Protein backbone atom coordinates (compact mmCIF):
# COMPACT_ATOMS: atom_id res chain seq x y z
CA MET A 1 44.85 -30.58 -5.02
CA TYR A 2 42.73 -28.79 -7.51
CA PRO A 3 43.82 -28.79 -11.19
CA ARG A 4 45.37 -25.56 -12.44
CA HIS A 5 43.42 -23.57 -15.05
CA HIS A 6 45.18 -21.74 -17.78
CA SER A 7 44.26 -18.10 -18.43
CA ARG A 8 43.92 -18.68 -22.18
CA ARG A 9 40.69 -20.00 -23.56
CA SER A 10 40.39 -22.28 -26.50
CA PRO A 11 39.32 -20.60 -29.76
CA GLY A 12 36.24 -22.88 -29.90
CA SER A 13 34.57 -21.24 -26.89
CA ARG A 14 34.87 -17.78 -28.38
CA LEU A 15 33.50 -18.86 -31.75
CA ALA A 16 30.44 -20.48 -30.16
CA ALA A 17 29.48 -17.19 -28.45
CA ILE A 18 29.59 -15.12 -31.67
CA PRO A 19 26.18 -16.28 -33.05
CA VAL A 20 24.46 -15.53 -29.74
CA LEU A 21 26.12 -12.12 -29.41
CA VAL A 22 25.16 -11.16 -32.99
CA LEU A 23 21.68 -12.69 -33.19
CA LEU A 24 20.38 -11.50 -29.77
CA PRO A 25 20.80 -7.73 -30.54
CA LEU A 26 19.33 -8.25 -34.01
CA ALA A 27 16.26 -9.97 -32.55
CA MET A 28 15.85 -7.20 -29.99
CA ILE A 29 16.00 -4.52 -32.76
CA ALA A 30 13.47 -6.41 -34.85
CA LEU A 31 11.01 -6.84 -31.96
CA ALA A 32 11.36 -3.22 -30.76
CA GLY A 33 10.13 -1.89 -34.09
CA PHE A 34 7.18 -4.28 -34.25
CA VAL A 35 3.84 -2.54 -33.72
CA PRO A 36 0.66 -4.27 -34.91
CA ALA A 37 -0.93 -2.08 -37.61
CA ALA A 38 -4.49 -2.62 -36.32
CA HIS A 39 -3.75 -1.46 -32.73
CA PRO A 40 -1.22 1.39 -32.48
CA ALA A 41 0.04 1.89 -28.97
CA GLU A 42 -1.66 4.93 -27.34
CA LEU A 43 -1.95 6.06 -23.80
CA ALA A 44 -4.82 8.30 -22.67
CA LEU A 45 -5.23 9.54 -19.12
CA GLU A 46 -8.56 10.64 -17.83
CA PRO A 47 -9.21 12.12 -14.37
CA ILE A 48 -11.53 9.90 -12.30
CA LEU A 49 -11.57 11.81 -9.03
CA SER A 50 -11.74 15.53 -8.53
CA SER A 51 -11.27 16.81 -5.02
CA ASP A 52 -9.94 19.82 -3.16
CA GLN A 53 -8.53 17.44 -0.51
CA ASP A 54 -5.00 15.95 -0.46
CA LEU A 55 -4.82 12.26 -1.29
CA LEU A 56 -3.26 10.55 1.73
CA GLN A 57 -3.28 6.97 0.39
CA VAL A 58 -4.36 5.10 -2.73
CA SER A 59 -4.84 1.36 -2.39
CA PRO A 60 -5.74 -1.01 -5.25
CA CYS A 61 -8.32 -3.57 -4.05
CA ALA A 62 -8.59 -7.26 -4.94
CA ASP A 63 -11.89 -6.74 -6.85
CA GLY A 64 -10.28 -4.20 -9.22
CA SER A 65 -11.54 -1.13 -7.45
CA VAL A 66 -9.36 1.49 -5.80
CA GLY A 67 -9.62 2.82 -2.28
CA VAL A 68 -8.66 6.52 -1.98
CA LEU A 69 -8.06 7.99 1.47
CA GLU A 70 -8.52 11.74 1.83
CA MET A 71 -8.65 13.69 5.10
CA GLY A 72 -12.07 12.80 6.51
CA ARG A 73 -13.24 10.21 3.98
CA VAL A 74 -12.46 7.10 2.00
CA THR A 75 -13.82 6.72 -1.54
CA PHE A 76 -13.93 3.38 -3.30
CA LEU A 77 -13.84 3.77 -7.12
CA GLN A 78 -14.65 1.22 -9.79
CA PRO A 79 -12.14 0.80 -12.64
CA GLY A 80 -14.16 3.22 -14.81
CA GLY A 81 -14.13 5.88 -12.09
CA GLU A 82 -17.67 5.37 -10.77
CA VAL A 83 -17.96 5.78 -7.03
CA ALA A 84 -18.76 2.41 -5.47
CA ARG A 85 -19.10 3.71 -1.90
CA ARG A 86 -17.85 6.34 0.52
CA VAL A 87 -16.97 6.24 4.19
CA GLN A 88 -17.25 9.67 5.87
CA ALA A 89 -15.56 10.45 9.13
CA ALA A 90 -17.70 11.97 11.88
CA PRO A 91 -16.44 15.13 13.56
CA GLY A 92 -13.42 14.20 15.81
CA GLU A 93 -12.69 11.00 13.87
CA ARG A 94 -9.73 10.07 11.69
CA LEU A 95 -9.91 7.30 9.05
CA TYR A 96 -7.18 4.76 8.09
CA LEU A 97 -7.25 2.56 5.00
CA SER A 98 -5.70 -0.92 4.88
CA VAL A 99 -3.29 -2.16 2.31
CA GLY A 100 -5.62 -3.68 -0.34
CA GLY A 101 -8.57 -1.63 0.81
CA ALA A 102 -10.43 -4.40 2.62
CA TYR A 103 -10.45 -2.60 6.00
CA VAL A 104 -11.07 0.89 7.27
CA GLY A 105 -9.93 2.02 10.72
CA VAL A 106 -11.81 4.73 12.61
CA ARG A 107 -9.92 6.58 15.41
CA ARG A 108 -11.43 9.03 17.88
CA ALA A 109 -8.79 10.99 19.80
CA ARG A 110 -8.90 11.97 23.50
CA HIS A 111 -8.81 15.62 24.52
CA GLY A 112 -6.14 17.73 22.93
CA ALA A 113 -4.76 18.18 19.44
CA ALA A 114 -6.26 15.48 17.22
CA ASP A 115 -2.96 14.65 15.52
CA PHE A 116 -0.97 13.82 18.67
CA ALA A 117 -3.59 13.05 21.30
CA PRO A 118 -3.86 9.45 22.53
CA THR A 119 -6.75 7.35 21.21
CA GLU A 120 -10.14 7.28 22.95
CA THR A 121 -11.40 4.51 20.60
CA PHE A 122 -10.20 2.71 17.52
CA ALA A 123 -12.55 0.52 15.51
CA LEU A 124 -11.68 -1.80 12.63
CA ARG A 125 -14.36 -2.14 9.97
CA ASP A 126 -14.59 -4.53 7.02
CA ALA A 127 -15.28 -3.50 3.39
CA ALA A 128 -19.07 -3.56 4.07
CA GLY A 129 -18.71 -1.11 6.97
CA THR A 130 -19.32 -3.71 9.72
CA THR A 131 -17.34 -3.08 12.89
CA LEU A 132 -15.12 -6.12 13.53
CA TRP A 133 -13.71 -4.94 16.80
CA ARG A 134 -13.13 -1.81 18.91
CA ILE A 135 -10.49 -0.95 21.48
CA GLY A 136 -9.71 1.99 23.73
CA PRO A 137 -8.57 3.95 25.34
CA THR A 138 -4.89 3.46 24.26
CA GLU A 139 -1.79 5.58 24.16
CA ASP A 140 -1.56 5.13 20.36
CA VAL A 141 -1.70 8.29 18.20
CA SER A 142 -1.61 6.72 14.66
CA TYR A 143 -2.35 3.40 13.01
CA ALA A 144 -1.48 1.22 10.01
CA ILE A 145 -3.59 -1.67 8.80
CA SER A 146 -2.30 -4.67 6.83
CA ALA A 147 -4.08 -6.45 3.99
CA ARG A 148 -5.05 -9.22 6.47
CA GLY A 149 -6.53 -6.84 9.06
CA THR A 150 -3.60 -6.82 11.48
CA VAL A 151 -3.28 -3.36 13.01
CA VAL A 152 -0.14 -1.57 14.24
CA GLY A 153 -0.59 1.36 16.58
CA LEU A 154 2.11 3.91 17.25
CA SER A 155 2.40 5.55 20.62
CA LEU A 156 4.49 8.68 20.27
CA ASN A 157 6.06 10.74 23.02
CA ILE A 158 7.97 13.63 21.44
CA ASN A 159 9.43 14.71 24.79
CA VAL A 160 10.76 11.24 25.72
CA PRO A 161 11.53 9.26 22.50
CA GLU A 162 12.50 6.17 24.54
CA ARG A 163 8.76 5.80 25.36
CA ASN A 164 7.74 5.49 21.68
CA ARG A 165 6.17 2.07 21.05
CA LEU A 166 4.59 0.01 18.31
CA HIS A 167 1.57 -2.09 19.37
CA PHE A 168 0.47 -5.03 17.18
CA TYR A 169 -3.23 -5.88 17.35
CA GLY A 170 -4.68 -9.17 16.03
CA ALA A 171 -8.14 -10.67 16.03
CA GLN A 172 -10.73 -8.94 18.17
CA GLY A 173 -8.26 -6.09 18.87
CA LYS A 174 -6.16 -8.19 21.21
CA GLN A 175 -2.62 -6.74 21.59
CA ILE A 176 -0.26 -9.51 20.39
CA ALA A 177 3.07 -7.66 20.65
CA GLU A 178 4.82 -4.45 21.68
CA VAL A 179 8.08 -3.22 20.32
């Protein structure tokens, strides 16, 4: 059997906790008021991108730049706001930006409304703009790209939701799974 514990504590355990309970808040108060005199804390925000387009995605990149996806283009900005490069969609194309900004996907839809029409071609490009692989046609209508270049395509059937699928594409655009 296990030994029984009494509900009363010894006075020693309560006394040992008093210095910690008193000193910790005092230390926090002292540190909260500490501001170095030479460098007062100040926050200044400056606009680095002016556009009449909605921002669809902003992705910090490993090199310190930022990838900004707008409808029809991706702009890569240096930390100071200088444009490092732009990727412009051709008519009939839609762009996708990966998490981390290392990849850009380019989708061309088949006939019909561009938002819900199946894909004619999808190409994955690296940061330099080189096409790594291209697939198509597929039933996918939208894509997401991971930081490692894995692509997930969504096939959407609004009339028969049971037919909705996710397609996972790996190296060279090879479909590796369907859910």
